[in-house]
C-alpha atoms as a PDB file:
ATOM      1  CA  MET A   1       6.924  20.535   7.897  1.00  0.00           C
ATOM      2  CA  LYS A   2       7.513  24.439   7.494  1.00  0.00           C
ATOM      3  CA  LYS A   3      11.382  23.382   7.308  1.00  0.00           C
ATOM      4  CA  ILE A   4      10.352  20.632   4.546  1.00  0.00           C
ATOM      5  CA  VAL A   5       8.252  23.406   2.684  1.00  0.00           C
ATOM      6  CA  ILE A   6      11.554  26.149   2.812  1.00  0.00           C
ATOM      7  CA  LEU A   7      14.098  23.223   1.975  1.00  0.00           C
ATOM      8  CA  ALA A   8      12.049  22.053  -1.276  1.00  0.00           C
ATOM      9  CA  ILE A   9      11.646  26.263  -2.308  1.00  0.00           C
ATOM     10  CA  LEU A  10      15.729  26.507  -1.918  1.00  0.00           C
ATOM     11  CA  PHE A  11      16.292  23.422  -3.834  1.00  0.00           C
ATOM     12  CA  ALA A  12      13.969  24.506  -6.908  1.00  0.00           C
ATOM     13  CA  VAL A  13      15.462  28.072  -6.785  1.00  0.00           C
ATOM     14  CA  LEU A  14      19.286  26.816  -6.715  1.00  0.00           C
ATOM     15  CA  PHE A  15      18.746  23.742  -8.985  1.00  0.00           C
ATOM     16  CA  GLY A  16      15.974  24.749 -10.927  1.00  0.00           C
ATOM     17  CA  CYS A  17      16.239  27.576 -12.386  1.00  0.00           C
ATOM     18  CA  VAL A  18      18.512  29.147 -15.456  1.00  0.00           C
ATOM     19  CA  THR A  19      19.933  32.205 -15.045  1.00  0.00           C
ATOM     20  CA  ALA A  20      21.412  34.442 -17.717  1.00  0.00           C
ATOM     21  CA  ILE A  21      24.243  36.891 -17.338  1.00  0.00           C
ATOM     22  CA  THR A  22      24.927  39.260 -20.747  1.00  0.00           C
ATOM     23  CA  THR A  23      28.758  40.232 -20.451  1.00  0.00           C
ATOM     24  CA  ARG A  24      29.621  42.761 -23.053  1.00  0.00           C
ATOM     25  CA  MET A  25      33.441  43.419 -24.110  1.00  0.00           C
ATOM     26  CA  ILE A  26      35.229  45.553 -26.712  1.00  0.00           C
ATOM     27  CA  ASN A  27      37.304  43.869 -29.407  1.00  0.00           C
ATOM     28  CA  GLN A  28      39.789  45.516 -31.007  1.00  0.00           C
ATOM     29  CA  PRO A  29      41.673  44.481 -33.847  1.00  0.00           C
ATOM     30  CA  ILE A  30      45.475  44.765 -34.280  1.00  0.00           C
ATOM     31  CA  ALA A  31      47.910  43.865 -36.916  1.00  0.00           C
ATOM     32  CA  ASP A  32      51.522  43.326 -34.843  1.00  0.00           C
ATOM     33  CA  PRO A  33      51.169  41.079 -31.442  1.00  0.00           C
ATOM     34  CA  ILE A  34      51.860  43.387 -28.261  1.00  0.00           C
ATOM     35  CA  GLU A  35      53.396  41.413 -25.323  1.00  0.00           C
ATOM     36  CA  THR A  36      51.137  41.371 -22.499  1.00  0.00           C
ATOM     37  CA  LYS A  37      53.042  42.676 -19.870  1.00  0.00           C
ATOM     38  CA  ASN A  38      53.429  46.093 -21.929  1.00  0.00           C
ATOM     39  CA  PHE A  39      50.257  46.304 -22.947  1.00  0.00           C
ATOM     40  CA  LEU A  40      48.785  45.891 -19.079  1.00  0.00           C
ATOM     41  CA  ASP A  41      51.336  48.445 -18.183  1.00  0.00           C
ATOM     42  CA  ILE A  42      49.783  50.787 -20.646  1.00  0.00           C
ATOM     43  CA  VAL A  43      46.311  49.791 -19.849  1.00  0.00           C
ATOM     44  CA  SER A  44      47.316  50.553 -16.023  1.00  0.00           C
ATOM     45  CA  PHE A  45      48.824  54.104 -17.041  1.00  0.00           C
ATOM     46  CA  VAL A  46      45.617  54.955 -18.659  1.00  0.00           C
ATOM     47  CA  LEU A  47      43.242  54.325 -15.715  1.00  0.00           C
ATOM     48  CA  ILE A  48      45.290  56.041 -13.486  1.00  0.00           C
ATOM     49  CA  GLU A  49      45.343  58.763 -15.921  1.00  0.00           C
ATOM     50  CA  ASN A  50      41.571  58.634 -15.766  1.00  0.00           C
ATOM     51  CA  GLY A  51      41.785  58.803 -11.915  1.00  0.00           C
ATOM     52  CA  PHE A  52      41.656  54.987 -11.137  1.00  0.00           C
ATOM     53  CA  ASN A  53      44.068  53.869  -8.400  1.00  0.00           C
ATOM     54  CA  ILE A  54      45.098  50.283  -9.082  1.00  0.00           C
ATOM     55  CA  LYS A  55      44.505  47.528  -6.516  1.00  0.00           C
ATOM     56  CA  MET A  56      45.734  44.235  -8.166  1.00  0.00           C
ATOM     57  CA  LEU A  57      46.902  43.558 -11.355  1.00  0.00           C
ATOM     58  CA  ASN A  58      47.128  39.503 -12.599  1.00  0.00           C
ATOM     59  CA  GLU A  59      49.478  39.460 -15.536  1.00  0.00           C
ATOM     60  CA  THR A  60      48.178  35.458 -15.948  1.00  0.00           C
ATOM     61  CA  TYR A  61      44.634  36.326 -16.017  1.00  0.00           C
ATOM     62  CA  GLY A  62      44.934  39.558 -17.567  1.00  0.00           C
ATOM     63  CA  ILE A  63      42.950  40.884 -14.568  1.00  0.00           C
ATOM     64  CA  ILE A  64      42.861  44.742 -13.218  1.00  0.00           C
ATOM     65  CA  SER A  65      40.893  45.756 -10.582  1.00  0.00           C
ATOM     66  CA  THR A  66      40.804  49.306  -9.126  1.00  0.00           C
ATOM     67  CA  GLU A  67      40.229  50.493  -5.933  1.00  0.00           C
ATOM     68  CA  TRP A  68      36.330  51.213  -4.401  1.00  0.00           C
ATOM     69  CA  ARG A  69      35.770  54.888  -4.728  1.00  0.00           C
ATOM     70  CA  SER A  70      33.084  57.001  -3.020  1.00  0.00           C
ATOM     71  CA  VAL A  71      30.794  58.364  -5.805  1.00  0.00           C
ATOM     72  CA  LYS A  72      27.338  60.381  -6.033  1.00  0.00           C
ATOM     73  CA  SER A  73      25.235  60.735  -9.185  1.00  0.00           C
ATOM     74  CA  GLY A  74      21.955  62.059  -8.740  1.00  0.00           C
ATOM     75  CA  ALA A  75      20.190  59.233  -7.939  1.00  0.00           C
ATOM     76  CA  ASP A  76      22.389  58.649  -5.449  1.00  0.00           C
ATOM     77  CA  THR A  77      22.461  61.989  -3.936  1.00  0.00           C
ATOM     78  CA  ALA A  78      18.376  61.969  -3.815  1.00  0.00           C
ATOM     79  CA  ALA A  79      18.839  58.819  -2.028  1.00  0.00           C
ATOM     80  CA  THR A  80      21.399  60.086   0.845  1.00  0.00           C
ATOM     81  CA  ILE A  81      19.131  63.010   1.593  1.00  0.00           C
ATOM     82  CA  LEU A  82      16.051  60.848   1.895  1.00  0.00           C
ATOM     83  CA  SER A  83      17.866  58.661   4.113  1.00  0.00           C
ATOM     84  CA  ALA A  84      19.067  61.709   6.010  1.00  0.00           C
ATOM     85  CA  LEU A  85      15.807  62.999   6.597  1.00  0.00           C
ATOM     86  CA  ASP A  86      14.586  59.141   7.458  1.00  0.00           C
ATOM     87  CA  SER A  87      13.626  59.176  11.295  1.00  0.00           C
ATOM     88  CA  SER A  88      15.730  56.559  11.972  1.00  0.00           C
ATOM     89  CA  SER A  89      18.340  58.711  11.167  1.00  0.00           C
ATOM     90  CA  SER A  90      20.375  56.030   8.763  1.00  0.00           C
ATOM     91  CA  MET A  91      22.749  57.134   6.228  1.00  0.00           C
ATOM     92  CA  THR A  92      23.607  55.367   2.766  1.00  0.00           C
ATOM     93  CA  SER A  93      27.034  55.694   1.068  1.00  0.00           C
ATOM     94  CA  TYR A  94      27.865  54.790  -2.308  1.00  0.00           C
ATOM     95  CA  SER A  95      30.996  53.291  -3.936  1.00  0.00           C
ATOM     96  CA  ARG A  96      32.210  51.945  -7.388  1.00  0.00           C
ATOM     97  CA  ALA A  97      35.016  49.821  -8.296  1.00  0.00           C
ATOM     98  CA  LEU A  98      36.029  48.925 -12.016  1.00  0.00           C
ATOM     99  CA  MET A  99      37.805  45.527 -13.099  1.00  0.00           C
ATOM    100  CA  ILE A 100      39.203  44.957 -16.290  1.00  0.00           C
ATOM    101  CA  GLN A 101      39.823  41.629 -17.973  1.00  0.00           C
ATOM    102  CA  ILE A 102      42.429  41.764 -20.806  1.00  0.00           C
ATOM    103  CA  GLN A 103      42.637  39.188 -23.489  1.00  0.00           C
ATOM    104  CA  MET A 104      45.003  38.731 -25.810  1.00  0.00           C
ATOM    105  CA  THR A 105      44.113  36.870 -29.078  1.00  0.00           C
ATOM    106  CA  ASP A 106      45.854  36.206 -32.479  1.00  0.00           C
ATOM    107  CA  SER A 107      43.643  39.245 -34.406  1.00  0.00           C
ATOM    108  CA  GLY A 108      43.990  41.771 -31.486  1.00  0.00           C
ATOM    109  CA  TYR A 109      42.806  42.102 -27.978  1.00  0.00           C
ATOM    110  CA  ILE A 110      39.556  41.967 -26.012  1.00  0.00           C
ATOM    111  CA  LEU A 111      38.787  44.376 -22.990  1.00  0.00           C
ATOM    112  CA  THR A 112      35.937  43.397 -20.649  1.00  0.00           C
ATOM    113  CA  PRO A 113      34.564  46.165 -18.191  1.00  0.00           C
ATOM    114  CA  LYS A 114      33.024  45.088 -15.431  1.00  0.00           C
ATOM    115  CA  LEU A 115      31.353  47.712 -12.655  1.00  0.00           C
ATOM    116  CA  LYS A 116      31.058  46.530  -9.071  1.00  0.00           C
ATOM    117  CA  ARG A 117      28.603  48.796  -7.185  1.00  0.00           C
ATOM    118  CA  THR A 118      28.182  48.817  -3.532  1.00  0.00           C
ATOM    119  CA  SER A 119      25.982  50.603  -1.142  1.00  0.00           C
ATOM    120  CA  THR A 120      25.932  50.623   2.467  1.00  0.00           C
ATOM    121  CA  THR A 121      23.384  52.040   4.810  1.00  0.00           C
ATOM    122  CA  THR A 122      24.200  52.564   8.484  1.00  0.00           C
ATOM    123  CA  SER A 123      21.620  53.441  11.246  1.00  0.00           C
ATOM    124  CA  GLY A 124      21.202  53.673  14.821  1.00  0.00           C
ATOM    125  CA  PHE A 125      20.463  49.923  14.890  1.00  0.00           C
ATOM    126  CA  GLY A 126      22.893  48.659  12.620  1.00  0.00           C
ATOM    127  CA  GLY A 127      23.929  48.484   8.898  1.00  0.00           C
ATOM    128  CA  SER A 128      23.294  46.732   5.876  1.00  0.00           C
ATOM    129  CA  SER A 129      24.956  46.138   2.428  1.00  0.00           C
ATOM    130  CA  ARG A 130      24.469  45.768  -0.794  1.00  0.00           C
ATOM    131  CA  GLU A 131      26.566  44.780  -3.933  1.00  0.00           C
ATOM    132  CA  GLN A 132      25.838  44.506  -7.719  1.00  0.00           C
ATOM    133  CA  VAL A 133      28.079  43.888 -10.855  1.00  0.00           C
ATOM    134  CA  ASP A 134      27.307  45.313 -13.869  1.00  0.00           C
ATOM    135  CA  TYR A 135      28.966  44.549 -17.748  1.00  0.00           C
ATOM    136  CA  PRO A 136      27.966  48.228 -18.707  1.00  0.00           C
ATOM    137  CA  THR A 137      26.322  49.078 -22.347  1.00  0.00           C
ATOM    138  CA  PRO A 138      28.134  51.341 -24.765  1.00  0.00           C
ATOM    139  CA  GLU A 139      25.412  54.107 -23.855  1.00  0.00           C
ATOM    140  CA  SER A 140      26.061  53.841 -19.879  1.00  0.00           C
ATOM    141  CA  PRO A 141      28.572  56.390 -18.566  1.00  0.00           C
ATOM    142  CA  GLU A 142      30.682  53.335 -17.603  1.00  0.00           C
ATOM    143  CA  GLY A 143      30.363  51.964 -21.287  1.00  0.00           C
ATOM    144  CA  LYS A 144      31.669  55.388 -22.072  1.00  0.00           C
ATOM    145  CA  LEU A 145      34.050  55.460 -19.869  1.00  0.00           C
ATOM    146  CA  ALA A 146      35.529  51.723 -21.342  1.00  0.00           C
ATOM    147  CA  VAL A 147      35.603  53.296 -24.625  1.00  0.00           C
ATOM    148  CA  ARG A 148      37.547  56.299 -23.739  1.00  0.00           C
ATOM    149  CA  ILE A 149      40.351  53.808 -22.003  1.00  0.00           C
ATOM    150  CA  VAL A 150      40.370  51.758 -25.206  1.00  0.00           C
ATOM    151  CA  GLU A 151      40.267  54.914 -27.209  1.00  0.00           C
ATOM    152  CA  GLU A 152      43.612  55.983 -25.116  1.00  0.00           C
ATOM    153  CA  ILE A 153      44.954  52.752 -25.239  1.00  0.00           C
ATOM    154  CA  ASN A 154      45.335  52.984 -29.107  1.00  0.00           C
ATOM    155  CA  LEU A 155      46.465  56.147 -28.909  1.00  0.00           C
ATOM    156  CA  LYS A 156      49.567  55.242 -26.748  1.00  0.00           C
ATOM    157  CA  LEU A 157      49.925  51.891 -29.167  1.00  0.00           C
ATOM    158  CA  GLY A 158      49.516  53.852 -32.191  1.00  0.00           C
ATOM    159  CA  LEU A 159      46.440  51.898 -33.257  1.00  0.00           C
ATOM    160  CA  PRO A 160      43.194  53.153 -35.475  1.00  0.00           C
ATOM    161  CA  ASN A 161      39.991  53.148 -33.470  1.00  0.00           C
ATOM    162  CA  ASP A 162      38.669  49.829 -35.018  1.00  0.00           C
ATOM    163  CA  TYR A 163      36.749  48.762 -31.858  1.00  0.00           C
ATOM    164  CA  ILE A 164      33.966  46.480 -31.746  1.00  0.00           C
ATOM    165  CA  TRP A 165      31.055  45.769 -28.869  1.00  0.00           C
ATOM    166  CA  GLN A 166      30.367  42.156 -28.463  1.00  0.00           C
ATOM    167  CA  GLU A 167      28.103  40.784 -26.118  1.00  0.00           C
ATOM    168  CA  LYS A 168      28.037  36.811 -24.624  1.00  0.00           C
ATOM    169  CA  VAL A 169      25.325  35.369 -23.050  1.00  0.00           C
ATOM    170  CA  ILE A 170      26.329  32.825 -20.467  1.00  0.00           C
ATOM    171  CA  GLU A 171      23.611  30.626 -19.207  1.00  0.00           C
ATOM    172  CA  ILE A 172      24.061  29.379 -15.745  1.00  0.00           C
ATOM    173  CA  GLY A 173      22.201  26.285 -14.124  1.00  0.00           C
ATOM    174  CA  GLN A 174      21.067  25.216 -17.086  1.00  0.00           C
ATOM    175  CA  GLU A 175      21.584  21.311 -16.653  1.00  0.00           C
ATOM    176  CA  SER A 176      23.272  19.071 -19.039  1.00  0.00           C
ATOM    177  CA  TYR A 177      22.520  15.548 -20.122  1.00  0.00           C
END
């Protein structure tokens, strides 16, 4: 009986829920078309100039992923100190990776930044890991970084900074008849 209840709850969660993901992208209009390979080379160069190591570049889909980097923000540092004082002697480390998708259109290019965060907690009894994916807002530090990257790309291409932030809501799990 217990298994049936658990399965019923699992099916309700998997098939009955609609989840919305909000993606944020920067749309930069341009007058003259740019060759995708040259454009990705410029984006890669700008990322490297900003301290990111390129892990993967896919020309077909316009995706660039960076290597994971250890980070410490104020909240991360506080959590690390608290976990170090914990009696189980667990320690938490934080890493981030940036993924950028580039789409070339007839009227310009669209840059979609995605931030992956992971926190790994280790203790004498094992460990756990948690990953989170965000589409940064223009006000967030990652959003400001994305704007800086777009502005540096535009500078290298001799383009004005006419970019526009856009949001797109994607609903997952919605039944269609």
